[in-house]
N, C-alpha and C. Protein backbone atom coordinates (compact mmCIF):
# COMPACT_ATOMS: atom_id res chain seq x y z
N UNK A 1 -81.35 11.53 25.36
CA UNK A 1 -81.96 12.16 24.46
C UNK A 1 -80.81 12.68 23.47
N UNK A 2 -80.87 12.81 22.10
CA UNK A 2 -80.12 13.14 21.01
C UNK A 2 -79.81 14.88 21.18
N UNK A 3 -78.72 15.32 21.01
CA UNK A 3 -78.64 16.66 20.49
C UNK A 3 -79.49 17.11 19.48
N UNK A 4 -79.74 18.35 19.90
CA UNK A 4 -80.74 18.99 18.77
C UNK A 4 -79.88 19.40 17.72
N UNK A 5 -78.56 19.97 18.29
CA UNK A 5 -77.60 20.65 17.04
C UNK A 5 -76.72 19.79 16.27
N UNK A 6 -76.65 18.56 16.88
CA UNK A 6 -75.86 17.68 16.18
C UNK A 6 -76.53 17.00 15.30
N UNK A 7 -75.65 16.51 14.12
CA UNK A 7 -76.26 15.84 12.85
C UNK A 7 -76.40 14.51 13.12
N UNK A 8 -77.47 14.03 12.55
CA UNK A 8 -77.54 12.69 12.62
C UNK A 8 -76.76 11.68 11.95
N UNK A 9 -76.18 10.77 12.60
CA UNK A 9 -75.00 9.88 11.99
C UNK A 9 -75.96 8.64 11.21
N UNK A 10 -75.75 8.74 10.08
CA UNK A 10 -76.48 7.78 9.03
C UNK A 10 -75.74 6.37 8.92
N UNK A 11 -74.25 6.49 8.70
CA UNK A 11 -73.42 5.18 8.69
C UNK A 11 -72.10 5.57 9.19
N UNK A 12 -71.74 4.56 9.71
CA UNK A 12 -70.05 4.56 9.98
C UNK A 12 -69.24 3.90 9.10
N UNK A 13 -68.06 4.30 8.47
CA UNK A 13 -67.37 3.35 7.74
C UNK A 13 -65.64 3.68 7.97
N UNK A 14 -65.16 2.49 7.54
CA UNK A 14 -63.68 2.60 7.43
C UNK A 14 -62.87 2.25 6.40
N UNK A 15 -63.74 1.69 5.40
CA UNK A 15 -63.55 1.25 4.23
C UNK A 15 -64.31 1.53 2.88
N UNK A 16 -64.04 1.18 1.78
CA UNK A 16 -64.85 1.67 0.73
C UNK A 16 -66.14 0.86 0.79
N UNK A 17 -66.13 -0.47 0.94
CA UNK A 17 -67.49 -1.08 0.84
C UNK A 17 -68.17 -0.80 1.82
N UNK A 18 -67.89 -0.38 3.37
CA UNK A 18 -68.66 0.01 4.11
C UNK A 18 -69.36 1.40 3.84
N UNK A 19 -68.61 2.46 2.86
CA UNK A 19 -69.24 3.48 2.56
C UNK A 19 -70.37 3.33 1.55
N UNK A 20 -70.13 2.15 0.80
CA UNK A 20 -71.03 1.97 -0.12
C UNK A 20 -72.25 1.51 0.37
N UNK A 21 -72.21 0.80 1.41
CA UNK A 21 -73.26 0.29 2.08
C UNK A 21 -74.15 1.32 2.75
N UNK A 22 -73.38 2.21 3.40
CA UNK A 22 -73.94 3.33 4.17
C UNK A 22 -74.65 4.15 3.17
N UNK A 23 -74.26 4.35 2.04
CA UNK A 23 -75.08 5.04 0.66
C UNK A 23 -76.38 4.14 0.21
N UNK A 24 -76.23 3.07 0.15
CA UNK A 24 -77.24 2.17 0.06
C UNK A 24 -78.50 2.55 0.69
N UNK A 25 -78.15 2.54 2.04
CA UNK A 25 -78.87 2.46 3.20
C UNK A 25 -79.72 4.02 3.03
N UNK A 26 -78.88 4.80 2.84
CA UNK A 26 -79.16 6.40 2.59
C UNK A 26 -80.30 6.36 1.44
N UNK A 27 -79.91 5.89 0.37
CA UNK A 27 -80.72 5.82 -0.82
C UNK A 27 -82.06 5.34 -0.74
N UNK A 28 -82.06 3.91 0.25
CA UNK A 28 -83.50 3.55 0.61
C UNK A 28 -84.13 4.19 1.45
N UNK A 29 -83.29 4.94 2.61
CA UNK A 29 -84.07 5.54 3.31
C UNK A 29 -84.77 6.82 2.85
N UNK A 30 -84.39 7.49 1.60
CA UNK A 30 -84.75 8.56 0.93
C UNK A 30 -86.07 8.33 0.05
N UNK A 31 -86.12 6.82 -0.28
CA UNK A 31 -87.12 6.35 -0.93
C UNK A 31 -87.35 7.17 -2.33
N UNK A 32 -85.87 7.41 -2.85
CA UNK A 32 -85.65 8.19 -4.26
C UNK A 32 -85.47 6.97 -5.48
N UNK A 33 -85.69 7.00 -6.68
CA UNK A 33 -85.31 5.98 -7.84
C UNK A 33 -83.77 6.46 -8.06
N UNK A 34 -83.21 5.55 -8.54
CA UNK A 34 -81.86 5.86 -9.34
C UNK A 34 -81.86 7.00 -10.55
N UNK A 35 -83.02 6.78 -11.22
CA UNK A 35 -82.94 7.81 -12.38
C UNK A 35 -83.43 9.06 -11.64
N UNK A 36 -83.97 9.37 -10.52
CA UNK A 36 -84.20 10.79 -9.80
C UNK A 36 -82.79 11.03 -9.40
N UNK A 37 -82.08 10.05 -8.64
CA UNK A 37 -80.58 10.59 -8.32
C UNK A 37 -79.79 10.79 -9.33
N UNK A 38 -79.92 10.23 -10.22
CA UNK A 38 -79.08 10.52 -11.49
C UNK A 38 -79.36 11.80 -12.05
N UNK A 39 -80.68 12.31 -12.33
CA UNK A 39 -81.20 13.59 -12.72
C UNK A 39 -80.90 14.78 -11.78
N UNK A 40 -81.01 14.49 -10.57
CA UNK A 40 -80.37 15.37 -9.38
C UNK A 40 -78.92 15.75 -9.17
N UNK A 41 -78.22 14.52 -9.39
CA UNK A 41 -76.69 14.82 -9.21
C UNK A 41 -76.15 15.31 -10.54
N UNK A 42 -76.87 15.05 -11.61
CA UNK A 42 -76.05 15.48 -13.00
C UNK A 42 -75.09 14.63 -13.58
N UNK A 43 -75.27 13.13 -12.94
CA UNK A 43 -74.62 12.34 -13.50
C UNK A 43 -74.91 11.53 -14.67
N UNK A 44 -74.53 10.55 -15.43
CA UNK A 44 -75.27 10.04 -16.55
C UNK A 44 -76.46 9.19 -16.05
N UNK A 45 -77.41 8.55 -17.05
CA UNK A 45 -78.39 7.66 -16.87
C UNK A 45 -77.85 6.45 -15.92
N UNK A 46 -78.51 6.08 -15.37
CA UNK A 46 -78.27 4.72 -14.64
C UNK A 46 -76.83 4.59 -13.70
N UNK A 47 -76.24 5.38 -13.64
CA UNK A 47 -75.31 5.77 -13.01
C UNK A 47 -75.32 5.27 -11.27
N UNK A 48 -76.52 5.79 -10.94
CA UNK A 48 -76.81 5.22 -9.39
C UNK A 48 -76.89 3.98 -9.38
N UNK A 49 -77.48 3.06 -10.19
CA UNK A 49 -77.52 1.77 -10.12
C UNK A 49 -76.21 1.08 -10.16
N UNK A 50 -75.33 1.63 -11.17
CA UNK A 50 -73.94 1.17 -11.39
C UNK A 50 -73.17 1.39 -9.98
N UNK A 51 -73.26 2.24 -9.39
CA UNK A 51 -72.69 2.51 -7.91
C UNK A 51 -72.89 1.65 -6.96
N UNK A 52 -74.32 1.65 -6.68
CA UNK A 52 -75.23 1.00 -5.66
C UNK A 52 -75.56 -0.51 -5.82
N UNK A 53 -75.56 -0.72 -7.21
CA UNK A 53 -76.22 -2.04 -7.25
C UNK A 53 -75.20 -3.31 -6.57
N UNK A 54 -75.83 -4.36 -6.49
CA UNK A 54 -75.20 -5.58 -5.97
C UNK A 54 -73.95 -5.61 -6.62
N UNK A 55 -73.69 -6.05 -7.76
CA UNK A 55 -72.57 -6.10 -8.70
C UNK A 55 -71.95 -4.97 -9.13
N UNK A 56 -71.48 -4.21 -8.30
CA UNK A 56 -70.91 -2.88 -8.72
C UNK A 56 -70.26 -2.39 -10.12
N UNK A 57 -70.75 -2.05 -10.91
CA UNK A 57 -69.66 -1.65 -12.18
C UNK A 57 -69.00 -0.54 -12.18
N UNK A 58 -69.48 0.63 -11.66
CA UNK A 58 -68.71 1.66 -11.41
C UNK A 58 -68.30 1.74 -9.94
N UNK A 59 -67.53 2.74 -9.70
CA UNK A 59 -66.83 3.33 -8.38
C UNK A 59 -66.76 4.72 -8.08
N UNK A 60 -67.10 5.23 -7.16
CA UNK A 60 -67.07 6.85 -6.81
C UNK A 60 -65.85 7.45 -6.86
N UNK A 61 -65.48 8.15 -7.57
CA UNK A 61 -64.23 8.79 -7.84
C UNK A 61 -64.22 10.32 -7.60
N UNK A 62 -63.25 10.85 -7.98
CA UNK A 62 -62.85 12.33 -7.75
C UNK A 62 -64.03 13.11 -8.40
N UNK A 63 -64.73 12.79 -9.46
CA UNK A 63 -65.61 13.59 -10.46
C UNK A 63 -66.93 13.14 -10.01
N UNK A 64 -67.40 12.11 -9.53
CA UNK A 64 -68.46 11.63 -9.02
C UNK A 64 -69.13 11.56 -7.61
N UNK A 65 -67.92 11.92 -6.74
CA UNK A 65 -68.14 11.82 -5.39
C UNK A 65 -69.00 12.96 -4.90
N UNK A 66 -68.68 14.24 -5.33
CA UNK A 66 -69.37 15.35 -4.63
C UNK A 66 -70.91 15.20 -5.10
N UNK A 67 -71.00 15.32 -6.29
CA UNK A 67 -72.48 15.48 -7.07
C UNK A 67 -73.25 14.21 -6.36
N UNK A 68 -72.61 13.03 -6.09
CA UNK A 68 -73.46 11.73 -5.66
C UNK A 68 -73.76 12.17 -4.26
N UNK A 69 -72.80 12.46 -3.63
CA UNK A 69 -73.36 12.87 -2.00
C UNK A 69 -74.12 13.81 -1.77
N UNK A 70 -74.08 14.99 -2.79
CA UNK A 70 -75.15 15.84 -2.76
C UNK A 70 -76.54 15.49 -2.91
N UNK A 71 -76.58 14.62 -4.00
CA UNK A 71 -77.91 13.93 -4.35
C UNK A 71 -78.58 13.11 -3.31
N UNK A 72 -77.72 12.52 -2.60
CA UNK A 72 -78.17 11.84 -1.05
C UNK A 72 -78.17 12.60 0.12
N UNK A 73 -78.08 13.95 -0.15
CA UNK A 73 -78.11 14.91 0.85
C UNK A 73 -77.19 14.42 2.07
N UNK A 74 -76.08 14.02 1.88
CA UNK A 74 -75.23 13.69 2.89
C UNK A 74 -73.78 14.35 2.58
N UNK A 75 -72.96 14.49 3.59
CA UNK A 75 -71.59 15.06 3.29
C UNK A 75 -70.47 14.23 4.33
N UNK A 76 -69.29 14.26 3.87
CA UNK A 76 -68.42 13.41 4.48
C UNK A 76 -67.80 14.40 5.71
N UNK A 77 -67.20 13.29 6.78
CA UNK A 77 -66.64 14.11 7.76
C UNK A 77 -65.68 13.11 8.44
N UNK A 78 -64.40 13.45 8.71
CA UNK A 78 -63.44 12.57 9.23
C UNK A 78 -63.14 12.88 10.74
N UNK A 79 -63.54 11.82 11.60
CA UNK A 79 -63.53 11.78 13.07
C UNK A 79 -62.25 10.92 13.50
N UNK A 80 -61.83 11.74 14.49
CA UNK A 80 -60.42 10.99 14.88
C UNK A 80 -60.78 9.40 15.61
N UNK A 81 -60.19 8.39 15.41
CA UNK A 81 -60.26 7.11 16.06
C UNK A 81 -59.27 7.20 17.34
N UNK A 82 -59.76 7.43 18.50
CA UNK A 82 -58.95 7.62 19.69
C UNK A 82 -58.00 6.60 19.93
N UNK A 83 -58.64 5.23 19.76
CA UNK A 83 -57.89 3.89 20.25
C UNK A 83 -56.81 3.45 18.93
N UNK A 84 -57.21 4.09 17.84
CA UNK A 84 -56.16 4.15 16.80
C UNK A 84 -55.11 4.84 16.95
N UNK A 85 -55.46 6.17 17.42
CA UNK A 85 -54.33 7.19 17.53
C UNK A 85 -53.48 6.71 18.74
N UNK A 86 -53.79 6.11 19.74
CA UNK A 86 -53.09 5.64 20.76
C UNK A 86 -51.99 4.53 20.44
N UNK A 87 -52.57 3.64 19.79
CA UNK A 87 -51.85 2.58 19.23
C UNK A 87 -50.78 3.01 18.36
N UNK A 88 -51.17 3.89 17.71
CA UNK A 88 -50.12 4.69 16.31
C UNK A 88 -48.96 5.22 17.22
N UNK A 89 -49.20 5.85 18.16
CA UNK A 89 -48.22 6.59 19.14
C UNK A 89 -47.56 5.65 20.12
N UNK A 90 -48.07 4.50 20.40
CA UNK A 90 -47.01 3.79 20.84
C UNK A 90 -46.25 3.04 19.95
N UNK A 91 -46.46 2.62 18.96
CA UNK A 91 -45.86 2.00 17.92
C UNK A 91 -44.61 2.54 17.01
N UNK A 92 -44.93 4.11 17.33
CA UNK A 92 -43.94 4.93 16.56
C UNK A 92 -43.25 5.98 17.15
N UNK A 93 -42.22 6.52 16.56
CA UNK A 93 -41.47 7.51 17.21
C UNK A 93 -41.94 9.02 16.54
N UNK A 94 -41.73 9.99 17.04
CA UNK A 94 -42.09 11.31 16.54
C UNK A 94 -41.13 11.70 15.35
N UNK A 95 -41.44 12.41 14.26
CA UNK A 95 -40.43 12.80 13.20
C UNK A 95 -40.12 13.87 13.67
N UNK A 96 -38.47 14.11 13.21
CA UNK A 96 -37.68 15.14 13.90
C UNK A 96 -38.16 16.51 12.96
N UNK A 97 -38.31 17.44 14.01
CA UNK A 97 -38.92 18.71 13.45
C UNK A 97 -38.05 19.65 12.64
N UNK A 98 -36.83 19.37 12.64
CA UNK A 98 -35.96 19.82 11.56
C UNK A 98 -36.04 19.46 10.36
N UNK A 99 -36.73 18.43 9.96
CA UNK A 99 -36.98 17.88 8.91
C UNK A 99 -38.35 18.29 7.96
N UNK A 100 -38.96 19.07 9.11
CA UNK A 100 -40.57 19.17 8.72
C UNK A 100 -40.50 20.74 8.04
N UNK A 101 -41.35 20.86 6.92
CA UNK A 101 -41.42 21.86 6.20
C UNK A 101 -42.88 22.56 6.39
N UNK A 102 -43.19 23.56 6.84
CA UNK A 102 -44.52 24.02 7.23
C UNK A 102 -45.02 24.65 5.97
N UNK A 103 -44.23 24.78 4.90
CA UNK A 103 -45.10 25.38 3.66
C UNK A 103 -44.61 24.53 2.43
N UNK A 104 -45.25 24.64 1.30
CA UNK A 104 -44.87 24.04 0.14
C UNK A 104 -43.62 24.79 -0.50
N UNK A 105 -42.97 23.86 -1.08
CA UNK A 105 -41.54 24.28 -1.58
C UNK A 105 -41.75 24.28 -2.87
N UNK A 106 -41.65 25.70 -3.67
CA UNK A 106 -41.68 26.10 -5.05
C UNK A 106 -40.13 25.92 -5.80
N UNK A 107 -39.98 25.53 -6.73
CA UNK A 107 -39.10 25.91 -7.56
C UNK A 107 -39.52 26.63 -8.97
N UNK A 108 -38.33 26.90 -9.70
CA UNK A 108 -39.08 27.33 -11.09
C UNK A 108 -37.95 27.03 -11.95
N UNK A 109 -38.52 26.81 -13.19
CA UNK A 109 -37.50 26.37 -14.23
C UNK A 109 -37.02 27.37 -15.17
N UNK A 110 -35.74 27.60 -15.35
CA UNK A 110 -35.10 28.60 -15.85
C UNK A 110 -34.94 28.10 -17.46
N UNK A 111 -34.93 28.88 -18.44
CA UNK A 111 -34.90 28.52 -19.81
C UNK A 111 -33.41 27.93 -20.01
N UNK A 112 -32.49 28.40 -19.21
CA UNK A 112 -31.13 27.72 -19.42
C UNK A 112 -31.04 26.31 -19.06
N UNK A 113 -31.83 25.99 -17.91
CA UNK A 113 -31.88 24.23 -17.31
C UNK A 113 -32.80 23.75 -18.54
N UNK A 114 -33.90 24.23 -19.12
CA UNK A 114 -34.68 23.45 -19.72
C UNK A 114 -33.92 23.07 -21.22
N UNK A 115 -33.20 24.05 -21.48
CA UNK A 115 -32.16 23.79 -22.81
C UNK A 115 -31.37 22.66 -22.33
N UNK A 116 -30.80 22.61 -21.03
CA UNK A 116 -29.66 21.90 -20.72
C UNK A 116 -30.07 20.39 -20.72
N UNK A 117 -31.38 20.13 -20.26
CA UNK A 117 -31.76 18.73 -20.19
C UNK A 117 -32.51 18.41 -21.30
N UNK A 118 -32.85 19.36 -22.29
CA UNK A 118 -33.28 19.08 -23.49
C UNK A 118 -32.06 18.58 -24.39
N UNK A 119 -31.30 19.13 -24.21
CA UNK A 119 -29.79 18.71 -25.03
C UNK A 119 -29.46 17.04 -24.49
N UNK A 120 -29.59 16.92 -23.27
CA UNK A 120 -29.06 15.71 -22.63
C UNK A 120 -29.97 14.94 -23.12
N UNK A 121 -31.46 15.17 -23.47
CA UNK A 121 -32.25 14.15 -23.85
C UNK A 121 -32.14 13.81 -25.44
N UNK A 122 -31.91 14.61 -25.93
CA UNK A 122 -31.70 14.51 -27.64
C UNK A 122 -30.53 13.81 -27.84
N UNK A 123 -29.30 14.03 -27.03
CA UNK A 123 -28.16 13.09 -26.98
C UNK A 123 -28.43 11.34 -26.79
N UNK A 124 -28.98 11.60 -25.58
CA UNK A 124 -29.21 10.18 -25.04
C UNK A 124 -30.29 9.41 -26.34
N UNK A 125 -31.49 9.97 -26.80
CA UNK A 125 -32.15 9.57 -27.66
C UNK A 125 -31.36 9.20 -29.06
N UNK A 126 -30.13 9.82 -29.61
CA UNK A 126 -29.57 9.48 -30.71
C UNK A 126 -28.58 8.56 -30.40
N UNK A 127 -28.21 8.21 -29.42
CA UNK A 127 -27.42 6.99 -29.05
C UNK A 127 -27.88 5.86 -29.84
N UNK A 128 -29.37 5.53 -29.69
CA UNK A 128 -29.93 4.34 -30.35
C UNK A 128 -30.24 4.55 -31.69
N UNK A 129 -30.11 5.77 -32.71
CA UNK A 129 -30.51 5.96 -33.51
C UNK A 129 -29.43 5.52 -34.84
N UNK A 130 -29.76 5.42 -35.85
CA UNK A 130 -28.95 5.21 -37.14
C UNK A 130 -28.12 6.62 -37.51
N UNK A 131 -26.79 6.43 -38.26
CA UNK A 131 -26.15 7.74 -38.62
C UNK A 131 -26.98 8.38 -39.53
N UNK A 132 -27.61 7.80 -40.23
CA UNK A 132 -28.37 8.78 -41.44
C UNK A 132 -29.57 9.48 -40.73
N UNK A 133 -30.23 8.71 -40.08
CA UNK A 133 -31.24 9.48 -39.16
C UNK A 133 -31.01 10.39 -38.29
N UNK A 134 -29.67 10.69 -37.71
CA UNK A 134 -29.20 11.40 -36.82
C UNK A 134 -28.95 12.56 -37.60
N UNK A 135 -28.31 12.41 -38.84
CA UNK A 135 -27.90 13.52 -39.53
C UNK A 135 -29.20 14.05 -40.28
N UNK A 136 -30.11 13.51 -40.39
CA UNK A 136 -31.48 14.06 -41.08
C UNK A 136 -32.00 15.06 -40.06
N UNK A 137 -32.13 14.36 -38.80
CA UNK A 137 -32.60 15.23 -37.62
C UNK A 137 -31.85 16.38 -37.16
N UNK A 138 -30.52 16.43 -37.38
CA UNK A 138 -29.63 17.68 -37.17
C UNK A 138 -29.81 18.60 -38.26
N UNK A 139 -30.07 18.23 -39.56
CA UNK A 139 -30.39 19.00 -40.63
C UNK A 139 -31.80 19.67 -40.46
N UNK A 140 -32.69 19.19 -40.26
CA UNK A 140 -34.07 19.69 -39.77
C UNK A 140 -33.71 20.55 -38.66
N UNK A 141 -33.25 20.32 -37.51
CA UNK A 141 -32.98 21.22 -36.45
C UNK A 141 -32.20 22.68 -36.72
N UNK A 142 -31.60 22.52 -37.58
CA UNK A 142 -30.79 23.40 -38.10
C UNK A 142 -31.42 24.20 -38.92
N UNK A 143 -32.16 23.90 -39.94
CA UNK A 143 -33.10 24.82 -40.93
C UNK A 143 -34.36 25.33 -39.96
N UNK A 144 -34.71 24.68 -38.70
CA UNK A 144 -35.81 25.19 -37.99
C UNK A 144 -35.25 26.35 -37.01
N UNK A 145 -33.89 26.25 -36.79
CA UNK A 145 -33.29 27.52 -36.23
C UNK A 145 -33.10 28.53 -36.96
N UNK A 146 -32.15 28.13 -38.02
CA UNK A 146 -31.84 29.36 -38.74
C UNK A 146 -32.69 30.05 -40.19
N UNK A 147 -33.90 29.30 -40.22
CA UNK A 147 -34.85 29.47 -41.08
C UNK A 147 -36.13 29.36 -40.55
N UNK A 148 -36.35 30.19 -39.57
CA UNK A 148 -37.80 29.93 -38.85
C UNK A 148 -38.93 30.08 -39.61
N UNK A 149 -38.63 31.08 -40.70
CA UNK A 149 -40.09 31.32 -41.47
C UNK A 149 -40.71 30.06 -42.49
N UNK A 150 -39.48 29.24 -42.73
CA UNK A 150 -40.03 28.24 -43.67
C UNK A 150 -40.53 26.93 -42.75
N UNK A 151 -41.32 26.35 -43.50
CA UNK A 151 -42.04 25.30 -42.84
C UNK A 151 -41.60 23.85 -43.27
N UNK A 152 -41.85 23.13 -42.47
CA UNK A 152 -41.19 21.77 -42.84
C UNK A 152 -42.10 20.78 -44.01
């Protein structure tokens, strides 16, 4: 007999098409129309038909996944595939722990650095411009620097 506390498994999948087939099964099981799913999930009209129809026009993405799973009353869960883990461990070597960072590395950009790379970018872009245009740009830059109240 099944555990009373364990959730019921509706479908198993390991790729996108299998997941869509599982969602189709769930929608059929709930016996709810596509329009009702759209209204409940807050997605645009006819979106459920575009996601679950035989010729899939739309795909589940970062924005639509959460509301659509909520409308079908399901949630995702990652389960370890023990056979795949054993196969992976046999075929690979562990990474060196001295190269592993336990936290994210953050850097900050200083005004000096931004000025430096801005200057490089300007010099590089002016390589391919005509002399007259370079002179015109330099004049505008000088005016912008020394006369900040005047608009161009």
